[in-house]
Amino acid sequence: MFNEATFADDIAPASVPASAHVSGKAASSRPAQQCGSCSMRSACMPQALNAQELSRFDSIVSATRLIKRGDAIYRANDPFQSIYAIRAGSFKTVVMHRDGREQVTGFHLAGEVLGLDGVCTESHSSDAIAIEDSSVCIIPYALLESMCAESKSLQQQVLRMMSGEIVRESSLMMLLGTMSAEQRVAAFLLNLSSRMKARGYSAAEFNLRMTREEMGNFLGMKLETVSRMFSKFQREGLLQTHGKRIRIVNLDALGRV
């Protein structure tokens, strides 16, 4: 089944990267909050870090930034400087087709990391846009890379995140290329369910932060088809919906779609 991995203090605060496309009214930066007090620590950081390593990691997180719904933290072709751990809220990543059409390439939840698309070419390949009011921790990649050379645990965590991006891309290709409309929607919901469970939330009941239209864009389906699949699953007793609130009634049956 589809598995989107992905798919989450300062000694001398660094300047906020120019790549963060948010207005002064829409967002604000503040000194970074310590990772040890963050509720998302277990999701985005290796648990094997000792006290000294944790303190060092705190020192390289340059700031926490608030991002208003609809604002981008970076845009395609912006210079790559930092990665962004989502502390609260959620984002979508988007690429633009040559004809101006928007393609949603992923949804990212609290505890996950944005910006790894820039490591290869030193520039971002997509836009990262908040789909609700959110906050991120800004981690300058050069400082992270330097610390990885000293901490095997952190190095392994960064490699896992990069591996997760590869898995996400290949899973998306399978999702769009081999699954029926029913299977796509079921796999999407199950993926969100597993990611919510990994963060200590209910695997069966949660809010869909994205719109049905955004979901359809990601899944390669029309809005009407997405809505029809939700209605079908409700008739079959697989799930219940109330606005954006989803309750999966039968996880096993949904996985067999």
C-alpha atoms as a PDB file:
ATOM      1  CA  MET A   1       0.000   0.000   0.000  1.00  0.00           C
ATOM      2  CA  PHE A   2       1.078   3.563  -0.617  1.00  0.00           C
ATOM      3  CA  ASN A   3       3.580   4.783   1.981  1.00  0.00           C
ATOM      4  CA  GLU A   4       4.522   8.470   1.912  1.00  0.00           C
ATOM      5  CA  ALA A   5       7.448   8.707   4.284  1.00  0.00           C
ATOM      6  CA  THR A   6       8.711  11.826   5.208  1.00  0.00           C
ATOM      7  CA  PHE A   7       4.929  11.217   4.204  1.00  0.00           C
ATOM      8  CA  ALA A   8       8.861  18.563  11.485  1.00  0.00           C
ATOM      9  CA  ASP A   9      18.370  27.237  21.026  1.00  0.00           C
ATOM     10  CA  ASP A  10      20.398  29.355  19.155  1.00  0.00           C
ATOM     11  CA  ILE A  11      23.877  30.562  20.072  1.00  0.00           C
ATOM     12  CA  ALA A  12      23.986  33.243  17.398  1.00  0.00           C
ATOM     13  CA  PRO A  13      20.713  33.430  15.456  1.00  0.00           C
ATOM     14  CA  ALA A  14      21.344  33.261  11.728  1.00  0.00           C
ATOM     15  CA  SER A  15      19.597  35.570   9.307  1.00  0.00           C
ATOM     16  CA  VAL A  16      16.351  34.277   7.885  1.00  0.00           C
ATOM     17  CA  PRO A  17      16.964  32.867   4.392  1.00  0.00           C
ATOM     18  CA  ALA A  18      15.854  35.061   1.525  1.00  0.00           C
ATOM     19  CA  SER A  19      14.123  32.003   0.106  1.00  0.00           C
ATOM     20  CA  ALA A  20      11.308  32.215   2.655  1.00  0.00           C
ATOM     21  CA  HIS A  21       8.524  33.827   0.589  1.00  0.00           C
ATOM     22  CA  VAL A  22       6.331  35.202   3.353  1.00  0.00           C
ATOM     23  CA  SER A  23       5.346  38.758   4.038  1.00  0.00           C
ATOM     24  CA  GLY A  24       6.137  40.530   7.262  1.00  0.00           C
ATOM     25  CA  LYS A  25       2.411  40.793   8.028  1.00  0.00           C
ATOM     26  CA  ALA A  26       1.757  37.157   7.285  1.00  0.00           C
ATOM     27  CA  ALA A  27       4.596  35.591   9.209  1.00  0.00           C
ATOM     28  CA  SER A  28       7.125  36.336  11.892  1.00  0.00           C
ATOM     29  CA  SER A  29      10.407  34.868  13.022  1.00  0.00           C
ATOM     30  CA  ARG A  30      11.381  34.337  16.595  1.00  0.00           C
ATOM     31  CA  PRO A  31      14.326  32.746  18.400  1.00  0.00           C
ATOM     32  CA  ALA A  32      14.197  28.987  18.017  1.00  0.00           C
ATOM     33  CA  GLN A  33      12.514  26.963  20.733  1.00  0.00           C
ATOM     34  CA  GLN A  34      14.517  24.146  22.239  1.00  0.00           C
ATOM     35  CA  CYS A  35      14.004  20.736  20.687  1.00  0.00           C
ATOM     36  CA  GLY A  36      13.803  19.064  24.085  1.00  0.00           C
ATOM     37  CA  SER A  37      10.507  20.849  24.796  1.00  0.00           C
ATOM     38  CA  CYS A  38       8.974  20.218  21.369  1.00  0.00           C
ATOM     39  CA  SER A  39       6.060  17.795  21.138  1.00  0.00           C
ATOM     40  CA  MET A  40       7.264  16.760  17.663  1.00  0.00           C
ATOM     41  CA  ARG A  41      10.770  15.831  18.811  1.00  0.00           C
ATOM     42  CA  SER A  42      10.164  12.090  18.614  1.00  0.00           C
ATOM     43  CA  ALA A  43       8.912  12.408  15.027  1.00  0.00           C
ATOM     44  CA  CYS A  44      11.691  14.484  13.469  1.00  0.00           C
ATOM     45  CA  MET A  45      14.779  13.826  15.626  1.00  0.00           C
ATOM     46  CA  PRO A  46      16.794  10.687  16.364  1.00  0.00           C
ATOM     47  CA  GLN A  47      16.092   9.429  19.870  1.00  0.00           C
ATOM     48  CA  ALA A  48      19.696   8.313  20.317  1.00  0.00           C
ATOM     49  CA  LEU A  49      21.093  11.826  20.665  1.00  0.00           C
ATOM     50  CA  ASN A  50      22.824  12.299  24.010  1.00  0.00           C
ATOM     51  CA  ALA A  51      22.488  15.499  26.063  1.00  0.00           C
ATOM     52  CA  GLN A  52      25.550  17.075  24.476  1.00  0.00           C
ATOM     53  CA  GLU A  53      24.381  16.269  20.943  1.00  0.00           C
ATOM     54  CA  LEU A  54      20.878  17.558  21.694  1.00  0.00           C
ATOM     55  CA  SER A  55      22.331  20.826  22.980  1.00  0.00           C
ATOM     56  CA  ARG A  56      24.464  21.115  19.850  1.00  0.00           C
ATOM     57  CA  PHE A  57      21.466  20.449  17.638  1.00  0.00           C
ATOM     58  CA  ASP A  58      19.501  23.136  19.487  1.00  0.00           C
ATOM     59  CA  SER A  59      22.316  25.564  18.691  1.00  0.00           C
ATOM     60  CA  ILE A  60      22.041  25.108  14.909  1.00  0.00           C
ATOM     61  CA  VAL A  61      18.271  25.632  14.727  1.00  0.00           C
ATOM     62  CA  SER A  62      18.365  29.306  13.801  1.00  0.00           C
ATOM     63  CA  ALA A  63      14.761  30.386  14.302  1.00  0.00           C
ATOM     64  CA  THR A  64      11.116  29.376  14.453  1.00  0.00           C
ATOM     65  CA  ARG A  65       8.963  30.960  11.759  1.00  0.00           C
ATOM     66  CA  LEU A  66       5.193  31.352  11.696  1.00  0.00           C
ATOM     67  CA  ILE A  67       3.627  30.846   8.263  1.00  0.00           C
ATOM     68  CA  LYS A  68       0.101  31.950   7.460  1.00  0.00           C
ATOM     69  CA  ARG A  69      -2.217  29.715   5.426  1.00  0.00           C
ATOM     70  CA  GLY A  70      -1.557  30.188   1.719  1.00  0.00           C
ATOM     71  CA  ASP A  71       1.971  31.588   2.118  1.00  0.00           C
ATOM     72  CA  ALA A  72       5.072  29.840   0.781  1.00  0.00           C
ATOM     73  CA  ILE A  73       8.180  29.224   2.827  1.00  0.00           C
ATOM     74  CA  TYR A  74      10.187  28.790  -0.379  1.00  0.00           C
ATOM     75  CA  ARG A  75       9.543  28.751  -4.116  1.00  0.00           C
ATOM     76  CA  ALA A  76      10.869  26.660  -6.991  1.00  0.00           C
ATOM     77  CA  ASN A  77      14.340  27.806  -8.102  1.00  0.00           C
ATOM     78  CA  ASP A  78      15.052  29.606  -4.806  1.00  0.00           C
ATOM     79  CA  PRO A  79      18.616  29.005  -3.591  1.00  0.00           C
ATOM     80  CA  PHE A  80      18.827  26.093  -1.165  1.00  0.00           C
ATOM     81  CA  GLN A  81      20.038  27.216   2.248  1.00  0.00           C
ATOM     82  CA  SER A  82      18.021  25.453   4.915  1.00  0.00           C
ATOM     83  CA  ILE A  83      15.644  22.637   5.642  1.00  0.00           C
ATOM     84  CA  TYR A  84      12.470  23.229   7.622  1.00  0.00           C
ATOM     85  CA  ALA A  85      11.115  20.988  10.377  1.00  0.00           C
ATOM     86  CA  ILE A  86       7.349  21.430  10.659  1.00  0.00           C
ATOM     87  CA  ARG A  87       6.614  22.189  14.295  1.00  0.00           C
ATOM     88  CA  ALA A  88       2.866  22.707  13.874  1.00  0.00           C
ATOM     89  CA  GLY A  89       0.442  22.757  10.975  1.00  0.00           C
ATOM     90  CA  SER A  90       0.838  21.284   7.494  1.00  0.00           C
ATOM     91  CA  PHE A  91       2.067  22.118   3.995  1.00  0.00           C
ATOM     92  CA  LYS A  92       1.664  21.059   0.398  1.00  0.00           C
ATOM     93  CA  THR A  93       4.490  20.960  -2.122  1.00  0.00           C
ATOM     94  CA  VAL A  94       3.628  22.121  -5.624  1.00  0.00           C
ATOM     95  CA  VAL A  95       5.303  22.243  -9.033  1.00  0.00           C
ATOM     96  CA  MET A  96       4.076  24.226 -12.017  1.00  0.00           C
ATOM     97  CA  HIS A  97       3.648  22.709 -15.470  1.00  0.00           C
ATOM     98  CA  ARG A  98       4.866  24.681 -18.463  1.00  0.00           C
ATOM     99  CA  ASP A  99       1.281  25.539 -19.342  1.00  0.00           C
ATOM    100  CA  GLY A 100       0.753  27.093 -15.906  1.00  0.00           C
ATOM    101  CA  ARG A 101      -1.146  24.198 -14.337  1.00  0.00           C
ATOM    102  CA  GLU A 102      -0.369  23.433 -10.705  1.00  0.00           C
ATOM    103  CA  GLN A 103       0.581  19.904  -9.622  1.00  0.00           C
ATOM    104  CA  VAL A 104       0.475  18.978  -5.933  1.00  0.00           C
ATOM    105  CA  THR A 105       3.363  16.593  -5.249  1.00  0.00           C
ATOM    106  CA  GLY A 106       2.932  15.961  -1.536  1.00  0.00           C
ATOM    107  CA  PHE A 107       1.352  16.859   1.784  1.00  0.00           C
ATOM    108  CA  HIS A 108       3.583  17.288   4.824  1.00  0.00           C
ATOM    109  CA  LEU A 109       2.554  17.108   8.477  1.00  0.00           C
ATOM    110  CA  ALA A 110       3.961  18.256  11.803  1.00  0.00           C
ATOM    111  CA  GLY A 111       7.144  16.358  12.608  1.00  0.00           C
ATOM    112  CA  GLU A 112       8.144  16.062   8.945  1.00  0.00           C
ATOM    113  CA  VAL A 113      10.821  18.003   7.097  1.00  0.00           C
ATOM    114  CA  LEU A 114      10.604  20.279   4.059  1.00  0.00           C
ATOM    115  CA  GLY A 115      13.341  21.423   1.715  1.00  0.00           C
ATOM    116  CA  LEU A 116      15.359  18.290   1.004  1.00  0.00           C
ATOM    117  CA  ASP A 117      14.542  18.715  -2.696  1.00  0.00           C
ATOM    118  CA  GLY A 118      17.259  21.378  -2.814  1.00  0.00           C
ATOM    119  CA  VAL A 119      20.189  19.236  -1.702  1.00  0.00           C
ATOM    120  CA  CYS A 120      21.030  17.891  -5.169  1.00  0.00           C
ATOM    121  CA  THR A 121      20.977  21.041  -7.297  1.00  0.00           C
ATOM    122  CA  GLU A 122      21.344  23.642  -4.514  1.00  0.00           C
ATOM    123  CA  SER A 123      17.997  25.139  -5.496  1.00  0.00           C
ATOM    124  CA  HIS A 124      14.438  24.119  -4.664  1.00  0.00           C
ATOM    125  CA  SER A 125      12.396  22.268  -7.260  1.00  0.00           C
ATOM    126  CA  SER A 126       8.954  23.029  -5.832  1.00  0.00           C
ATOM    127  CA  ASP A 127       6.915  25.537  -3.851  1.00  0.00           C
ATOM    128  CA  ALA A 128       6.160  24.715  -0.201  1.00  0.00           C
ATOM    129  CA  ILE A 129       2.847  26.320   0.768  1.00  0.00           C
ATOM    130  CA  ALA A 130       1.093  26.254   4.152  1.00  0.00           C
ATOM    131  CA  ILE A 131      -2.404  24.757   3.950  1.00  0.00           C
ATOM    132  CA  GLU A 132      -3.174  26.042   7.446  1.00  0.00           C
ATOM    133  CA  ASP A 133      -1.480  28.461   9.838  1.00  0.00           C
ATOM    134  CA  SER A 134       1.786  26.675  10.643  1.00  0.00           C
ATOM    135  CA  SER A 135       5.207  27.049  12.211  1.00  0.00           C
ATOM    136  CA  VAL A 136       8.580  25.648  11.175  1.00  0.00           C
ATOM    137  CA  CYS A 137      12.041  25.424  12.680  1.00  0.00           C
ATOM    138  CA  ILE A 138      14.700  26.688  10.273  1.00  0.00           C
ATOM    139  CA  ILE A 139      17.810  24.477  10.140  1.00  0.00           C
ATOM    140  CA  PRO A 140      20.729  25.842   8.050  1.00  0.00           C
ATOM    141  CA  TYR A 141      21.878  22.862   5.992  1.00  0.00           C
ATOM    142  CA  ALA A 142      25.584  23.715   6.134  1.00  0.00           C
ATOM    143  CA  LEU A 143      25.512  23.590   9.949  1.00  0.00           C
ATOM    144  CA  LEU A 144      23.470  20.380   9.916  1.00  0.00           C
ATOM    145  CA  GLU A 145      25.942  18.780   7.503  1.00  0.00           C
ATOM    146  CA  SER A 146      28.830  19.759   9.774  1.00  0.00           C
ATOM    147  CA  MET A 147      27.145  18.227  12.815  1.00  0.00           C
ATOM    148  CA  CYS A 148      26.343  15.049  10.866  1.00  0.00           C
ATOM    149  CA  ALA A 149      30.092  14.533  10.456  1.00  0.00           C
ATOM    150  CA  GLU A 150      30.334  14.344  14.256  1.00  0.00           C
ATOM    151  CA  SER A 151      27.116  12.510  15.139  1.00  0.00           C
ATOM    152  CA  LYS A 152      26.366   9.124  13.604  1.00  0.00           C
ATOM    153  CA  SER A 153      22.807   9.192  14.989  1.00  0.00           C
ATOM    154  CA  LEU A 154      22.030  12.494  13.312  1.00  0.00           C
ATOM    155  CA  GLN A 155      23.711  11.398  10.093  1.00  0.00           C
ATOM    156  CA  GLN A 156      21.512   8.296  10.007  1.00  0.00           C
ATOM    157  CA  GLN A 157      18.396  10.404  10.615  1.00  0.00           C
ATOM    158  CA  VAL A 158      19.221  12.725   7.697  1.00  0.00           C
ATOM    159  CA  LEU A 159      19.842   9.725   5.448  1.00  0.00           C
ATOM    160  CA  ARG A 160      16.490   8.254   6.515  1.00  0.00           C
ATOM    161  CA  MET A 161      14.760  11.514   5.611  1.00  0.00           C
ATOM    162  CA  MET A 162      16.410  11.542   2.192  1.00  0.00           C
ATOM    163  CA  SER A 163      15.514   7.899   1.689  1.00  0.00           C
ATOM    164  CA  GLY A 164      11.942   8.778   2.617  1.00  0.00           C
ATOM    165  CA  GLU A 165      11.848  11.305  -0.209  1.00  0.00           C
ATOM    166  CA  ILE A 166      12.911   8.599  -2.666  1.00  0.00           C
ATOM    167  CA  VAL A 167      10.244   6.228  -1.325  1.00  0.00           C
ATOM    168  CA  ARG A 168       7.624   8.973  -1.561  1.00  0.00           C
ATOM    169  CA  GLU A 169       8.437   9.697  -5.192  1.00  0.00           C
ATOM    170  CA  SER A 170       8.399   6.040  -6.234  1.00  0.00           C
ATOM    171  CA  SER A 171       5.185   5.416  -4.280  1.00  0.00           C
ATOM    172  CA  LEU A 172       3.532   8.351  -6.013  1.00  0.00           C
ATOM    173  CA  MET A 173       4.439   6.892  -9.397  1.00  0.00           C
ATOM    174  CA  MET A 174       2.859   3.577  -8.402  1.00  0.00           C
ATOM    175  CA  LEU A 175      -0.203   5.331  -7.013  1.00  0.00           C
ATOM    176  CA  LEU A 176      -0.839   7.308 -10.189  1.00  0.00           C
ATOM    177  CA  GLY A 177       0.178   4.619 -12.628  1.00  0.00           C
ATOM    178  CA  THR A 178      -1.262   1.343 -11.383  1.00  0.00           C
ATOM    179  CA  MET A 179      -4.162   1.967  -8.989  1.00  0.00           C
ATOM    180  CA  SER A 180      -7.856   2.499  -9.640  1.00  0.00           C
ATOM    181  CA  ALA A 181      -9.632   5.612  -8.358  1.00  0.00           C
ATOM    182  CA  GLU A 182     -10.946   3.670  -5.353  1.00  0.00           C
ATOM    183  CA  GLN A 183      -7.506   2.338  -4.521  1.00  0.00           C
ATOM    184  CA  ARG A 184      -5.906   5.777  -4.801  1.00  0.00           C
ATOM    185  CA  VAL A 185      -8.301   7.383  -2.324  1.00  0.00           C
ATOM    186  CA  ALA A 186      -8.133   4.402   0.037  1.00  0.00           C
ATOM    187  CA  ALA A 187      -4.332   4.381  -0.065  1.00  0.00           C
ATOM    188  CA  PHE A 188      -4.222   8.132   0.563  1.00  0.00           C
ATOM    189  CA  LEU A 189      -6.427   7.833   3.653  1.00  0.00           C
ATOM    190  CA  LEU A 190      -4.501   4.858   4.989  1.00  0.00           C
ATOM    191  CA  ASN A 191      -1.245   6.732   4.515  1.00  0.00           C
ATOM    192  CA  LEU A 192      -2.555   9.694   6.509  1.00  0.00           C
ATOM    193  CA  SER A 193      -3.842   7.280   9.141  1.00  0.00           C
ATOM    194  CA  SER A 194      -0.417   5.667   9.619  1.00  0.00           C
ATOM    195  CA  ARG A 195       1.313   9.041   9.781  1.00  0.00           C
ATOM    196  CA  MET A 196      -1.142  10.321  12.399  1.00  0.00           C
ATOM    197  CA  LYS A 197      -0.644   7.165  14.449  1.00  0.00           C
ATOM    198  CA  ALA A 198       3.149   7.586  14.296  1.00  0.00           C
ATOM    199  CA  ARG A 199       2.707  11.012  15.904  1.00  0.00           C
ATOM    200  CA  GLY A 200       0.602   9.722  18.769  1.00  0.00           C
ATOM    201  CA  TYR A 201      -2.777  10.754  17.344  1.00  0.00           C
ATOM    202  CA  SER A 202      -5.802   8.650  16.473  1.00  0.00           C
ATOM    203  CA  ALA A 203      -5.297   6.468  13.423  1.00  0.00           C
ATOM    204  CA  ALA A 204      -9.038   6.280  12.835  1.00  0.00           C
ATOM    205  CA  GLU A 205     -10.283   9.848  13.301  1.00  0.00           C
ATOM    206  CA  PHE A 206      -8.613  13.023  12.059  1.00  0.00           C
ATOM    207  CA  ASN A 207      -9.132  16.210  10.061  1.00  0.00           C
ATOM    208  CA  LEU A 208      -8.211  16.458   6.394  1.00  0.00           C
ATOM    209  CA  ARG A 209      -6.283  19.727   6.189  1.00  0.00           C
ATOM    210  CA  MET A 210      -6.265  19.744   2.389  1.00  0.00           C
ATOM    211  CA  THR A 211      -9.298  20.423   0.227  1.00  0.00           C
ATOM    212  CA  ARG A 212     -10.924  17.705  -1.869  1.00  0.00           C
ATOM    213  CA  GLU A 213      -9.659  19.588  -4.924  1.00  0.00           C
ATOM    214  CA  GLU A 214      -6.058  19.525  -3.647  1.00  0.00           C
ATOM    215  CA  MET A 215      -6.405  15.836  -2.865  1.00  0.00           C
ATOM    216  CA  GLY A 216      -7.683  15.168  -6.376  1.00  0.00           C
ATOM    217  CA  ASN A 217      -4.817  17.169  -7.874  1.00  0.00           C
ATOM    218  CA  PHE A 218      -2.325  15.048  -5.929  1.00  0.00           C
ATOM    219  CA  LEU A 219      -4.042  11.785  -6.849  1.00  0.00           C
ATOM    220  CA  GLY A 220      -4.506  12.667 -10.516  1.00  0.00           C
ATOM    221  CA  MET A 221      -8.294  12.717 -10.211  1.00  0.00           C
ATOM    222  CA  LYS A 222     -11.107  15.197 -10.731  1.00  0.00           C
ATOM    223  CA  LEU A 223     -12.822  16.712  -7.711  1.00  0.00           C
ATOM    224  CA  GLU A 224     -16.055  14.951  -8.641  1.00  0.00           C
ATOM    225  CA  THR A 225     -14.304  11.578  -8.666  1.00  0.00           C
ATOM    226  CA  VAL A 226     -12.810  12.153  -5.209  1.00  0.00           C
ATOM    227  CA  SER A 227     -16.224  13.106  -3.836  1.00  0.00           C
ATOM    228  CA  ARG A 228     -17.798  10.050  -5.474  1.00  0.00           C
ATOM    229  CA  MET A 229     -15.215   7.754  -3.864  1.00  0.00           C
ATOM    230  CA  PHE A 230     -15.893   9.236  -0.415  1.00  0.00           C
ATOM    231  CA  SER A 231     -19.611   8.715  -0.910  1.00  0.00           C
ATOM    232  CA  LYS A 232     -19.017   5.119  -2.020  1.00  0.00           C
ATOM    233  CA  PHE A 233     -16.857   4.347   1.021  1.00  0.00           C
ATOM    234  CA  GLN A 234     -19.535   5.814   3.301  1.00  0.00           C
ATOM    235  CA  ARG A 235     -22.261   3.691   1.700  1.00  0.00           C
ATOM    236  CA  GLU A 236     -20.102   0.599   2.187  1.00  0.00           C
ATOM    237  CA  GLY A 237     -19.545   1.432   5.863  1.00  0.00           C
ATOM    238  CA  LEU A 238     -15.784   1.964   5.506  1.00  0.00           C
ATOM    239  CA  LEU A 239     -15.697   5.525   6.774  1.00  0.00           C
ATOM    240  CA  GLN A 240     -17.755   8.457   7.987  1.00  0.00           C
ATOM    241  CA  THR A 241     -17.225  12.113   7.104  1.00  0.00           C
ATOM    242  CA  HIS A 242     -18.398  15.375   8.614  1.00  0.00           C
ATOM    243  CA  GLY A 243     -16.923  18.288   6.697  1.00  0.00           C
ATOM    244  CA  LYS A 244     -13.164  17.769   6.853  1.00  0.00           C
ATOM    245  CA  ARG A 245     -13.476  15.360   9.773  1.00  0.00           C
ATOM    246  CA  ILE A 246     -12.804  11.747   8.766  1.00  0.00           C
ATOM    247  CA  ARG A 247     -13.535   8.630  10.798  1.00  0.00           C
ATOM    248  CA  ILE A 248     -12.275   5.367   9.346  1.00  0.00           C
ATOM    249  CA  VAL A 249     -14.708   2.725  10.531  1.00  0.00           C
ATOM    250  CA  ASN A 250     -12.929  -0.333   9.110  1.00  0.00           C
ATOM    251  CA  LEU A 251      -9.189   0.039   8.497  1.00  0.00           C
ATOM    252  CA  ASP A 252      -8.756  -3.560   7.374  1.00  0.00           C
ATOM    253  CA  ALA A 253     -11.546  -3.382   4.804  1.00  0.00           C
ATOM    254  CA  LEU A 254     -10.253  -0.042   3.510  1.00  0.00           C
ATOM    255  CA  GLY A 255      -6.868  -1.689   2.995  1.00  0.00           C
ATOM    256  CA  ARG A 256      -8.465  -4.406   0.892  1.00  0.00           C
ATOM    257  CA  VAL A 257     -10.058  -1.981  -1.590  1.00  0.00           C
END
